[in-house]
Amino acid sequence: MRRLTLLAALLLAAPAMATLAPGAKAPDFTTRGAIAGKVFSVHLADQLKKGPVVLYFFPAAYTGGCNAEAHAFADAIPQFQKAGATVIGMSGDPVDTLVKFSAEKCAGKFAVASAGPAVIKGYDVSLGRQVMGHDATTRTSYVIAPDGKVAFVHDDMNPADHVAMTLAAVEKITHR
């Protein structure tokens, strides 16, 4: 019985795996987002023409873990740029919220975009509940290679390792 309890605790503590596995074709999408407080259109296929894309999904703007993760990605943007990658934060937040978030928490250094129901379903990132009035996403980071295939997935509600792990995956793709 004790082993069963320990096993159950370990399984519950382990991060859930996203169903989009490495090698899967990343669903293309077009949505609206913001960078440095300005609204613009985000089309994944266009971003992939420039190189690998890091799509990092976060539950809700202006929450502790999401603020910290945005700040960490902002600090690492020079390394992502050196490796030829584009970083795009994604959440179910409305664009007007992301306009302010992009300027304040992302320091205007990378785009954040609104993930609608089709994107949330396509990337299998539904948290299964609403936060601040919108569909929340899991904290899942995807590295998508220029050919449109998923190269790396990190699915963990703890924001601590997303930046380092996605940067390492990008560097592996670009060999820089």
N, C-alpha and C. Protein backbone atom coordinates (compact mmCIF):
# COMPACT_ATOMS: atom_id res chain seq x y z
N MET A 1 0.82 -1.18 0.00
CA MET A 1 0.00 0.00 0.00
C MET A 1 0.87 1.26 0.00
N ARG A 2 1.95 1.22 0.78
CA ARG A 2 2.84 2.38 0.85
C ARG A 2 3.49 2.66 -0.50
N ARG A 3 3.88 1.60 -1.22
CA ARG A 3 4.48 1.77 -2.54
C ARG A 3 3.46 2.37 -3.51
N LEU A 4 2.24 1.92 -3.43
CA LEU A 4 1.18 2.42 -4.30
C LEU A 4 0.94 3.90 -4.04
N THR A 5 0.95 4.31 -2.78
CA THR A 5 0.78 5.71 -2.43
C THR A 5 1.94 6.54 -2.95
N LEU A 6 3.16 6.03 -2.80
CA LEU A 6 4.35 6.72 -3.29
C LEU A 6 4.30 6.84 -4.81
N LEU A 7 3.93 5.77 -5.51
CA LEU A 7 3.83 5.79 -6.96
C LEU A 7 2.79 6.80 -7.41
N ALA A 8 1.65 6.82 -6.76
CA ALA A 8 0.60 7.78 -7.11
C ALA A 8 1.08 9.21 -6.90
N ALA A 9 1.79 9.46 -5.82
CA ALA A 9 2.32 10.81 -5.55
C ALA A 9 3.32 11.22 -6.62
N LEU A 10 4.19 10.30 -7.04
CA LEU A 10 5.17 10.62 -8.08
C LEU A 10 4.50 10.90 -9.41
N LEU A 11 3.50 10.13 -9.76
CA LEU A 11 2.79 10.34 -11.02
C LEU A 11 2.07 11.68 -11.03
N LEU A 12 1.48 12.03 -9.90
CA LEU A 12 0.78 13.30 -9.82
C LEU A 12 1.75 14.47 -9.83
N ALA A 13 2.95 14.28 -9.32
CA ALA A 13 3.93 15.36 -9.27
C ALA A 13 4.63 15.56 -10.61
N ALA A 14 4.66 14.52 -11.45
CA ALA A 14 5.34 14.61 -12.73
C ALA A 14 4.55 15.51 -13.68
N PRO A 15 5.24 16.31 -14.49
CA PRO A 15 4.53 17.14 -15.44
C PRO A 15 3.83 16.29 -16.49
N ALA A 16 2.66 16.75 -16.93
CA ALA A 16 1.92 16.05 -17.97
C ALA A 16 2.64 16.25 -19.30
N MET A 17 2.60 15.27 -20.16
CA MET A 17 3.23 15.40 -21.45
C MET A 17 2.22 15.92 -22.47
N ALA A 18 2.62 16.88 -23.24
CA ALA A 18 1.79 17.40 -24.31
C ALA A 18 1.67 16.34 -25.39
N THR A 19 0.53 16.32 -26.07
CA THR A 19 0.35 15.30 -27.09
C THR A 19 1.08 15.62 -28.39
N LEU A 20 1.47 16.88 -28.60
CA LEU A 20 2.28 17.19 -29.78
C LEU A 20 3.72 16.79 -29.46
N ALA A 21 4.12 15.68 -29.97
CA ALA A 21 5.45 15.15 -29.67
C ALA A 21 6.47 15.65 -30.68
N PRO A 22 7.74 15.62 -30.33
CA PRO A 22 8.77 15.96 -31.31
C PRO A 22 8.58 15.14 -32.58
N GLY A 23 8.72 15.83 -33.70
CA GLY A 23 8.51 15.21 -35.01
C GLY A 23 7.13 15.48 -35.58
N ALA A 24 6.17 15.88 -34.74
CA ALA A 24 4.82 16.19 -35.21
C ALA A 24 4.82 17.52 -35.96
N LYS A 25 3.91 17.65 -36.91
CA LYS A 25 3.75 18.91 -37.63
C LYS A 25 3.05 19.90 -36.71
N ALA A 26 3.65 21.07 -36.52
CA ALA A 26 3.05 22.11 -35.67
C ALA A 26 1.88 22.75 -36.42
N PRO A 27 0.73 22.88 -35.79
CA PRO A 27 -0.40 23.51 -36.47
C PRO A 27 -0.10 24.98 -36.80
N ASP A 28 -0.33 25.35 -38.04
CA ASP A 28 -0.14 26.74 -38.44
C ASP A 28 -1.30 27.56 -37.89
N PHE A 29 -1.07 28.83 -37.66
CA PHE A 29 -2.14 29.71 -37.17
C PHE A 29 -1.79 31.15 -37.50
N THR A 30 -2.82 31.96 -37.52
CA THR A 30 -2.69 33.41 -37.59
C THR A 30 -3.54 33.97 -36.47
N THR A 31 -2.97 34.87 -35.70
CA THR A 31 -3.69 35.49 -34.59
C THR A 31 -3.16 36.90 -34.39
N ARG A 32 -3.75 37.59 -33.47
CA ARG A 32 -3.25 38.93 -33.14
C ARG A 32 -2.44 38.86 -31.87
N GLY A 33 -1.46 39.70 -31.82
CA GLY A 33 -0.61 39.77 -30.65
C GLY A 33 -0.08 41.18 -30.47
N ALA A 34 0.91 41.33 -29.60
CA ALA A 34 1.50 42.64 -29.35
C ALA A 34 2.98 42.49 -29.06
N ILE A 35 3.70 43.51 -29.44
CA ILE A 35 5.11 43.63 -29.07
C ILE A 35 5.35 45.10 -28.74
N ALA A 36 5.99 45.32 -27.61
CA ALA A 36 6.29 46.68 -27.16
C ALA A 36 5.03 47.56 -27.13
N GLY A 37 3.89 46.95 -26.80
CA GLY A 37 2.65 47.70 -26.67
C GLY A 37 1.92 47.98 -27.97
N LYS A 38 2.39 47.43 -29.07
CA LYS A 38 1.76 47.66 -30.37
C LYS A 38 1.16 46.35 -30.90
N VAL A 39 -0.07 46.43 -31.39
CA VAL A 39 -0.79 45.25 -31.91
C VAL A 39 -0.29 44.93 -33.31
N PHE A 40 -0.16 43.64 -33.60
CA PHE A 40 0.18 43.20 -34.95
C PHE A 40 -0.34 41.78 -35.15
N SER A 41 -0.29 41.32 -36.38
CA SER A 41 -0.75 39.97 -36.74
C SER A 41 0.43 39.01 -36.65
N VAL A 42 0.20 37.85 -36.09
CA VAL A 42 1.23 36.81 -35.96
C VAL A 42 0.79 35.61 -36.80
N HIS A 43 1.63 35.24 -37.77
CA HIS A 43 1.37 34.06 -38.59
C HIS A 43 2.57 33.15 -38.44
N LEU A 44 2.35 31.95 -37.89
CA LEU A 44 3.45 31.04 -37.60
C LEU A 44 4.30 30.75 -38.83
N ALA A 45 3.67 30.45 -39.96
CA ALA A 45 4.43 30.10 -41.16
C ALA A 45 5.38 31.23 -41.56
N ASP A 46 4.95 32.48 -41.42
CA ASP A 46 5.83 33.61 -41.74
C ASP A 46 7.02 33.68 -40.78
N GLN A 47 6.78 33.43 -39.51
CA GLN A 47 7.86 33.46 -38.52
C GLN A 47 8.87 32.35 -38.77
N LEU A 48 8.39 31.18 -39.22
CA LEU A 48 9.29 30.05 -39.47
C LEU A 48 10.23 30.29 -40.66
N LYS A 49 9.86 31.21 -41.55
CA LYS A 49 10.74 31.54 -42.67
C LYS A 49 12.03 32.19 -42.19
N LYS A 50 12.01 32.76 -40.99
CA LYS A 50 13.17 33.44 -40.41
C LYS A 50 14.08 32.48 -39.64
N GLY A 51 13.54 31.30 -39.24
CA GLY A 51 14.30 30.35 -38.43
C GLY A 51 13.40 29.67 -37.42
N PRO A 52 13.98 28.97 -36.45
CA PRO A 52 13.18 28.27 -35.44
C PRO A 52 12.32 29.25 -34.64
N VAL A 53 11.20 28.74 -34.16
CA VAL A 53 10.29 29.54 -33.33
C VAL A 53 10.09 28.84 -32.00
N VAL A 54 10.23 29.61 -30.93
CA VAL A 54 9.88 29.12 -29.60
C VAL A 54 8.49 29.65 -29.31
N LEU A 55 7.51 28.75 -29.20
CA LEU A 55 6.16 29.11 -28.78
C LEU A 55 6.06 28.69 -27.33
N TYR A 56 5.95 29.66 -26.45
CA TYR A 56 5.79 29.28 -25.05
C TYR A 56 4.41 29.73 -24.58
N PHE A 57 3.62 28.74 -24.18
CA PHE A 57 2.27 28.99 -23.68
C PHE A 57 2.33 29.23 -22.18
N PHE A 58 1.60 30.23 -21.71
CA PHE A 58 1.55 30.54 -20.29
C PHE A 58 0.09 30.76 -19.88
N PRO A 59 -0.28 30.40 -18.63
CA PRO A 59 -1.68 30.43 -18.21
C PRO A 59 -2.36 31.79 -18.27
N ALA A 60 -1.75 32.84 -17.72
CA ALA A 60 -2.43 34.13 -17.68
C ALA A 60 -1.45 35.26 -17.40
N ALA A 61 -1.55 36.32 -18.17
CA ALA A 61 -0.73 37.50 -17.95
C ALA A 61 -0.99 38.06 -16.56
N TYR A 62 0.02 38.68 -16.02
CA TYR A 62 -0.05 39.34 -14.72
C TYR A 62 -0.29 38.39 -13.56
N THR A 63 0.20 37.17 -13.69
CA THR A 63 0.22 36.24 -12.55
C THR A 63 1.70 35.98 -12.25
N GLY A 64 1.99 35.60 -11.02
CA GLY A 64 3.37 35.50 -10.56
C GLY A 64 4.30 34.71 -11.46
N GLY A 65 3.97 33.47 -11.75
CA GLY A 65 4.83 32.61 -12.57
C GLY A 65 4.95 33.13 -13.99
N CYS A 66 3.87 33.67 -14.53
CA CYS A 66 3.88 34.17 -15.91
C CYS A 66 4.69 35.45 -16.02
N ASN A 67 4.61 36.30 -15.01
CA ASN A 67 5.44 37.51 -14.99
C ASN A 67 6.92 37.14 -14.95
N ALA A 68 7.26 36.19 -14.08
CA ALA A 68 8.66 35.77 -13.94
C ALA A 68 9.17 35.13 -15.23
N GLU A 69 8.34 34.30 -15.86
CA GLU A 69 8.75 33.64 -17.10
C GLU A 69 8.95 34.66 -18.22
N ALA A 70 8.05 35.63 -18.33
CA ALA A 70 8.18 36.67 -19.35
C ALA A 70 9.48 37.46 -19.15
N HIS A 71 9.78 37.79 -17.91
CA HIS A 71 11.01 38.51 -17.60
C HIS A 71 12.24 37.67 -17.97
N ALA A 72 12.20 36.38 -17.67
CA ALA A 72 13.32 35.50 -17.99
C ALA A 72 13.52 35.37 -19.50
N PHE A 73 12.43 35.24 -20.25
CA PHE A 73 12.56 35.19 -21.71
C PHE A 73 13.11 36.51 -22.23
N ALA A 74 12.60 37.63 -21.70
CA ALA A 74 13.09 38.95 -22.14
C ALA A 74 14.59 39.08 -21.92
N ASP A 75 15.07 38.62 -20.77
CA ASP A 75 16.51 38.69 -20.49
C ASP A 75 17.33 37.83 -21.45
N ALA A 76 16.74 36.75 -21.94
CA ALA A 76 17.46 35.81 -22.80
C ALA A 76 17.29 36.08 -24.30
N ILE A 77 16.53 37.08 -24.66
CA ILE A 77 16.29 37.35 -26.09
C ILE A 77 17.59 37.51 -26.88
N PRO A 78 18.61 38.18 -26.37
CA PRO A 78 19.85 38.26 -27.17
C PRO A 78 20.42 36.87 -27.53
N GLN A 79 20.34 35.91 -26.61
CA GLN A 79 20.84 34.57 -26.93
C GLN A 79 19.96 33.87 -27.97
N PHE A 80 18.64 34.05 -27.85
CA PHE A 80 17.74 33.45 -28.85
C PHE A 80 17.99 34.08 -30.22
N GLN A 81 18.18 35.39 -30.26
CA GLN A 81 18.45 36.07 -31.54
C GLN A 81 19.77 35.59 -32.13
N LYS A 82 20.79 35.43 -31.29
CA LYS A 82 22.09 34.94 -31.76
C LYS A 82 21.95 33.56 -32.38
N ALA A 83 21.04 32.75 -31.83
CA ALA A 83 20.80 31.40 -32.35
C ALA A 83 19.82 31.41 -33.53
N GLY A 84 19.32 32.59 -33.90
CA GLY A 84 18.43 32.70 -35.06
C GLY A 84 16.98 32.39 -34.79
N ALA A 85 16.56 32.40 -33.52
CA ALA A 85 15.19 32.00 -33.17
C ALA A 85 14.32 33.20 -32.83
N THR A 86 13.04 33.03 -33.05
CA THR A 86 12.01 33.99 -32.67
C THR A 86 11.26 33.41 -31.48
N VAL A 87 11.01 34.22 -30.46
CA VAL A 87 10.24 33.81 -29.28
C VAL A 87 8.87 34.46 -29.36
N ILE A 88 7.83 33.66 -29.15
CA ILE A 88 6.46 34.17 -29.10
C ILE A 88 5.78 33.56 -27.89
N GLY A 89 5.35 34.40 -26.97
CA GLY A 89 4.56 33.96 -25.83
C GLY A 89 3.11 33.84 -26.26
N MET A 90 2.41 32.83 -25.78
CA MET A 90 1.02 32.59 -26.17
C MET A 90 0.17 32.33 -24.92
N SER A 91 -0.99 32.98 -24.86
CA SER A 91 -1.94 32.69 -23.79
C SER A 91 -3.35 32.95 -24.31
N GLY A 92 -4.32 32.56 -23.53
CA GLY A 92 -5.71 32.81 -23.88
C GLY A 92 -6.15 34.23 -23.54
N ASP A 93 -5.24 35.04 -23.03
CA ASP A 93 -5.58 36.42 -22.69
C ASP A 93 -6.05 37.18 -23.93
N PRO A 94 -6.94 38.16 -23.74
CA PRO A 94 -7.34 39.02 -24.86
C PRO A 94 -6.19 39.94 -25.26
N VAL A 95 -6.21 40.39 -26.50
CA VAL A 95 -5.13 41.22 -27.03
C VAL A 95 -4.93 42.49 -26.22
N ASP A 96 -6.01 43.12 -25.74
CA ASP A 96 -5.82 44.36 -24.99
C ASP A 96 -5.01 44.14 -23.72
N THR A 97 -5.15 42.99 -23.09
CA THR A 97 -4.33 42.66 -21.92
C THR A 97 -2.88 42.44 -22.34
N LEU A 98 -2.68 41.76 -23.47
CA LEU A 98 -1.34 41.44 -23.94
C LEU A 98 -0.58 42.69 -24.42
N VAL A 99 -1.30 43.71 -24.86
CA VAL A 99 -0.65 44.95 -25.27
C VAL A 99 0.14 45.51 -24.09
N LYS A 100 -0.50 45.63 -22.95
CA LYS A 100 0.18 46.14 -21.76
C LYS A 100 1.26 45.17 -21.27
N PHE A 101 0.94 43.87 -21.25
CA PHE A 101 1.87 42.84 -20.79
C PHE A 101 3.15 42.85 -21.63
N SER A 102 3.00 43.02 -22.95
CA SER A 102 4.17 43.00 -23.84
C SER A 102 5.13 44.13 -23.53
N ALA A 103 4.60 45.28 -23.17
CA ALA A 103 5.45 46.43 -22.85
C ALA A 103 6.02 46.33 -21.44
N GLU A 104 5.20 45.90 -20.49
CA GLU A 104 5.61 45.91 -19.09
C GLU A 104 6.43 44.69 -18.68
N LYS A 105 5.91 43.50 -18.89
CA LYS A 105 6.56 42.29 -18.39
C LYS A 105 7.52 41.66 -19.39
N CYS A 106 7.28 41.89 -20.68
CA CYS A 106 8.17 41.35 -21.71
C CYS A 106 9.20 42.38 -22.13
N ALA A 107 9.15 43.53 -21.53
CA ALA A 107 10.10 44.63 -21.79
C ALA A 107 10.17 45.01 -23.26
N GLY A 108 9.11 44.74 -24.01
CA GLY A 108 9.08 45.09 -25.43
C GLY A 108 10.03 44.29 -26.28
N LYS A 109 10.57 43.19 -25.76
CA LYS A 109 11.62 42.45 -26.46
C LYS A 109 11.13 41.30 -27.33
N PHE A 110 9.90 40.83 -27.10
CA PHE A 110 9.37 39.74 -27.91
C PHE A 110 7.85 39.83 -27.92
N ALA A 111 7.25 39.14 -28.86
CA ALA A 111 5.80 39.18 -29.04
C ALA A 111 5.09 38.24 -28.08
N VAL A 112 3.90 38.66 -27.69
CA VAL A 112 2.95 37.77 -27.01
C VAL A 112 1.67 37.82 -27.82
N ALA A 113 1.02 36.67 -27.95
CA ALA A 113 -0.15 36.59 -28.82
C ALA A 113 -1.29 35.85 -28.14
N SER A 114 -2.48 36.15 -28.60
CA SER A 114 -3.69 35.56 -28.05
C SER A 114 -3.97 34.22 -28.71
N ALA A 115 -4.00 33.19 -27.91
CA ALA A 115 -4.29 31.83 -28.40
C ALA A 115 -5.78 31.57 -28.26
N GLY A 116 -6.46 31.50 -29.37
CA GLY A 116 -7.89 31.19 -29.36
C GLY A 116 -8.11 29.70 -29.17
N PRO A 117 -9.37 29.29 -29.10
CA PRO A 117 -9.70 27.88 -28.87
C PRO A 117 -9.05 26.91 -29.86
N ALA A 118 -8.96 27.27 -31.13
CA ALA A 118 -8.38 26.35 -32.13
C ALA A 118 -6.88 26.15 -31.87
N VAL A 119 -6.18 27.22 -31.51
CA VAL A 119 -4.74 27.11 -31.23
C VAL A 119 -4.53 26.30 -29.95
N ILE A 120 -5.32 26.60 -28.93
CA ILE A 120 -5.21 25.86 -27.66
C ILE A 120 -5.45 24.37 -27.88
N LYS A 121 -6.45 24.04 -28.67
CA LYS A 121 -6.74 22.63 -28.95
C LYS A 121 -5.64 22.01 -29.82
N GLY A 122 -5.22 22.74 -30.86
CA GLY A 122 -4.21 22.21 -31.78
C GLY A 122 -2.88 21.89 -31.11
N TYR A 123 -2.53 22.69 -30.10
CA TYR A 123 -1.28 22.48 -29.39
C TYR A 123 -1.47 21.70 -28.08
N ASP A 124 -2.70 21.29 -27.82
CA ASP A 124 -3.04 20.49 -26.64
C ASP A 124 -2.53 21.14 -25.36
N VAL A 125 -2.92 22.42 -25.16
CA VAL A 125 -2.42 23.16 -24.00
C VAL A 125 -3.55 23.68 -23.11
N SER A 126 -4.73 23.12 -23.23
CA SER A 126 -5.84 23.58 -22.38
C SER A 126 -5.59 23.19 -20.93
N LEU A 127 -5.72 24.17 -20.05
CA LEU A 127 -5.59 23.90 -18.62
C LEU A 127 -6.90 23.33 -18.07
N GLY A 128 -7.97 23.47 -18.86
CA GLY A 128 -9.26 22.91 -18.46
C GLY A 128 -10.04 23.79 -17.50
N ARG A 129 -9.63 25.04 -17.40
CA ARG A 129 -10.38 25.99 -16.57
C ARG A 129 -10.10 27.41 -17.05
N GLN A 130 -10.92 28.31 -16.54
CA GLN A 130 -10.73 29.71 -16.89
C GLN A 130 -9.95 30.42 -15.79
N VAL A 131 -9.13 31.37 -16.19
CA VAL A 131 -8.39 32.22 -15.28
C VAL A 131 -8.63 33.65 -15.76
N MET A 132 -9.07 34.49 -14.85
CA MET A 132 -9.32 35.90 -15.19
C MET A 132 -10.25 36.04 -16.40
N GLY A 133 -11.22 35.13 -16.53
CA GLY A 133 -12.24 35.24 -17.56
C GLY A 133 -11.87 34.69 -18.93
N HIS A 134 -10.76 34.01 -19.07
CA HIS A 134 -10.41 33.42 -20.37
C HIS A 134 -9.93 32.00 -20.16
N ASP A 135 -9.92 31.24 -21.27
CA ASP A 135 -9.43 29.87 -21.22
C ASP A 135 -7.93 29.89 -20.94
N ALA A 136 -7.55 29.28 -19.85
CA ALA A 136 -6.14 29.25 -19.48
C ALA A 136 -5.43 28.10 -20.18
N THR A 137 -4.14 28.30 -20.41
CA THR A 137 -3.33 27.25 -21.03
C THR A 137 -2.37 26.68 -19.99
N THR A 138 -1.87 25.51 -20.30
CA THR A 138 -0.81 24.94 -19.49
C THR A 138 0.46 25.74 -19.78
N ARG A 139 1.47 25.54 -18.98
CA ARG A 139 2.77 26.18 -19.25
C ARG A 139 3.57 25.16 -20.06
N THR A 140 3.50 25.32 -21.37
CA THR A 140 4.14 24.38 -22.29
C THR A 140 4.95 25.17 -23.30
N SER A 141 6.18 24.79 -23.48
CA SER A 141 7.05 25.45 -24.46
C SER A 141 7.36 24.48 -25.60
N TYR A 142 7.18 24.97 -26.81
CA TYR A 142 7.50 24.22 -28.01
C TYR A 142 8.62 24.93 -28.75
N VAL A 143 9.57 24.16 -29.25
CA VAL A 143 10.54 24.68 -30.22
C VAL A 143 10.14 24.06 -31.55
N ILE A 144 9.87 24.94 -32.51
CA ILE A 144 9.43 24.48 -33.83
C ILE A 144 10.54 24.80 -34.83
N ALA A 145 10.98 23.77 -35.53
CA ALA A 145 12.05 23.92 -36.52
C ALA A 145 11.50 24.64 -37.75
N PRO A 146 12.38 25.22 -38.55
CA PRO A 146 11.93 25.94 -39.75
C PRO A 146 11.08 25.10 -40.71
N ASP A 147 11.21 23.78 -40.66
CA ASP A 147 10.39 22.93 -41.53
C ASP A 147 8.97 22.74 -40.98
N GLY A 148 8.66 23.38 -39.84
CA GLY A 148 7.31 23.31 -39.27
C GLY A 148 7.07 22.14 -38.35
N LYS A 149 8.11 21.38 -38.06
CA LYS A 149 7.96 20.24 -37.17
C LYS A 149 8.42 20.58 -35.76
N VAL A 150 7.74 19.98 -34.79
CA VAL A 150 8.10 20.18 -33.39
C VAL A 150 9.45 19.51 -33.15
N ALA A 151 10.41 20.29 -32.65
CA ALA A 151 11.74 19.77 -32.36
C ALA A 151 11.92 19.46 -30.88
N PHE A 152 11.14 20.15 -30.03
CA PHE A 152 11.32 20.00 -28.59
C PHE A 152 10.04 20.45 -27.89
N VAL A 153 9.72 19.76 -26.78
CA VAL A 153 8.56 20.13 -25.95
C VAL A 153 8.98 20.08 -24.49
N HIS A 154 8.61 21.12 -23.75
CA HIS A 154 8.80 21.11 -22.29
C HIS A 154 7.46 21.52 -21.69
N ASP A 155 6.85 20.60 -20.95
CA ASP A 155 5.51 20.78 -20.40
C ASP A 155 5.61 20.68 -18.88
N ASP A 156 5.67 21.84 -18.22
CA ASP A 156 5.83 21.87 -16.77
C ASP A 156 5.26 23.19 -16.26
N MET A 157 4.38 23.13 -15.28
CA MET A 157 3.79 24.35 -14.75
C MET A 157 4.80 25.22 -14.00
N ASN A 158 5.93 24.67 -13.63
CA ASN A 158 6.98 25.47 -13.00
C ASN A 158 7.74 26.21 -14.12
N PRO A 159 7.79 27.55 -14.07
CA PRO A 159 8.43 28.29 -15.15
C PRO A 159 9.96 28.24 -15.15
N ALA A 160 10.56 27.67 -14.14
CA ALA A 160 12.01 27.79 -13.92
C ALA A 160 12.88 27.34 -15.09
N ASP A 161 12.56 26.25 -15.76
CA ASP A 161 13.48 25.68 -16.75
C ASP A 161 13.11 25.95 -18.20
N HIS A 162 12.01 26.61 -18.46
CA HIS A 162 11.55 26.79 -19.85
C HIS A 162 12.55 27.54 -20.71
N VAL A 163 13.12 28.62 -20.20
CA VAL A 163 14.05 29.42 -21.01
C VAL A 163 15.31 28.62 -21.33
N ALA A 164 15.95 28.06 -20.32
CA ALA A 164 17.20 27.33 -20.54
C ALA A 164 16.99 26.11 -21.45
N MET A 165 15.90 25.41 -21.26
CA MET A 165 15.68 24.19 -22.05
C MET A 165 15.34 24.52 -23.51
N THR A 166 14.54 25.56 -23.73
CA THR A 166 14.22 25.90 -25.11
C THR A 166 15.43 26.49 -25.83
N LEU A 167 16.23 27.28 -25.12
CA LEU A 167 17.44 27.84 -25.73
C LEU A 167 18.40 26.71 -26.13
N ALA A 168 18.57 25.73 -25.26
CA ALA A 168 19.44 24.59 -25.59
C ALA A 168 18.91 23.83 -26.81
N ALA A 169 17.60 23.68 -26.89
CA ALA A 169 17.00 22.98 -28.04
C ALA A 169 17.19 23.77 -29.33
N VAL A 170 17.03 25.09 -29.26
CA VAL A 170 17.26 25.94 -30.43
C VAL A 170 18.71 25.85 -30.87
N GLU A 171 19.63 25.94 -29.92
CA GLU A 171 21.05 25.87 -30.25
C GLU A 171 21.41 24.52 -30.87
N LYS A 172 20.75 23.48 -30.46
CA LYS A 172 20.99 22.16 -31.04
C LYS A 172 20.54 22.13 -32.51
N ILE A 173 19.42 22.78 -32.78
CA ILE A 173 18.91 22.83 -34.16
C ILE A 173 19.84 23.66 -35.04
N THR A 174 20.25 24.80 -34.53
CA THR A 174 21.03 25.73 -35.34
C THR A 174 22.54 25.50 -35.24
N HIS A 175 22.95 24.63 -34.32
CA HIS A 175 24.37 24.28 -34.10
C HIS A 175 25.23 25.50 -33.83
N ARG A 176 24.69 26.44 -33.03
CA ARG A 176 25.46 27.65 -32.72
C ARG A 176 25.95 27.64 -31.32
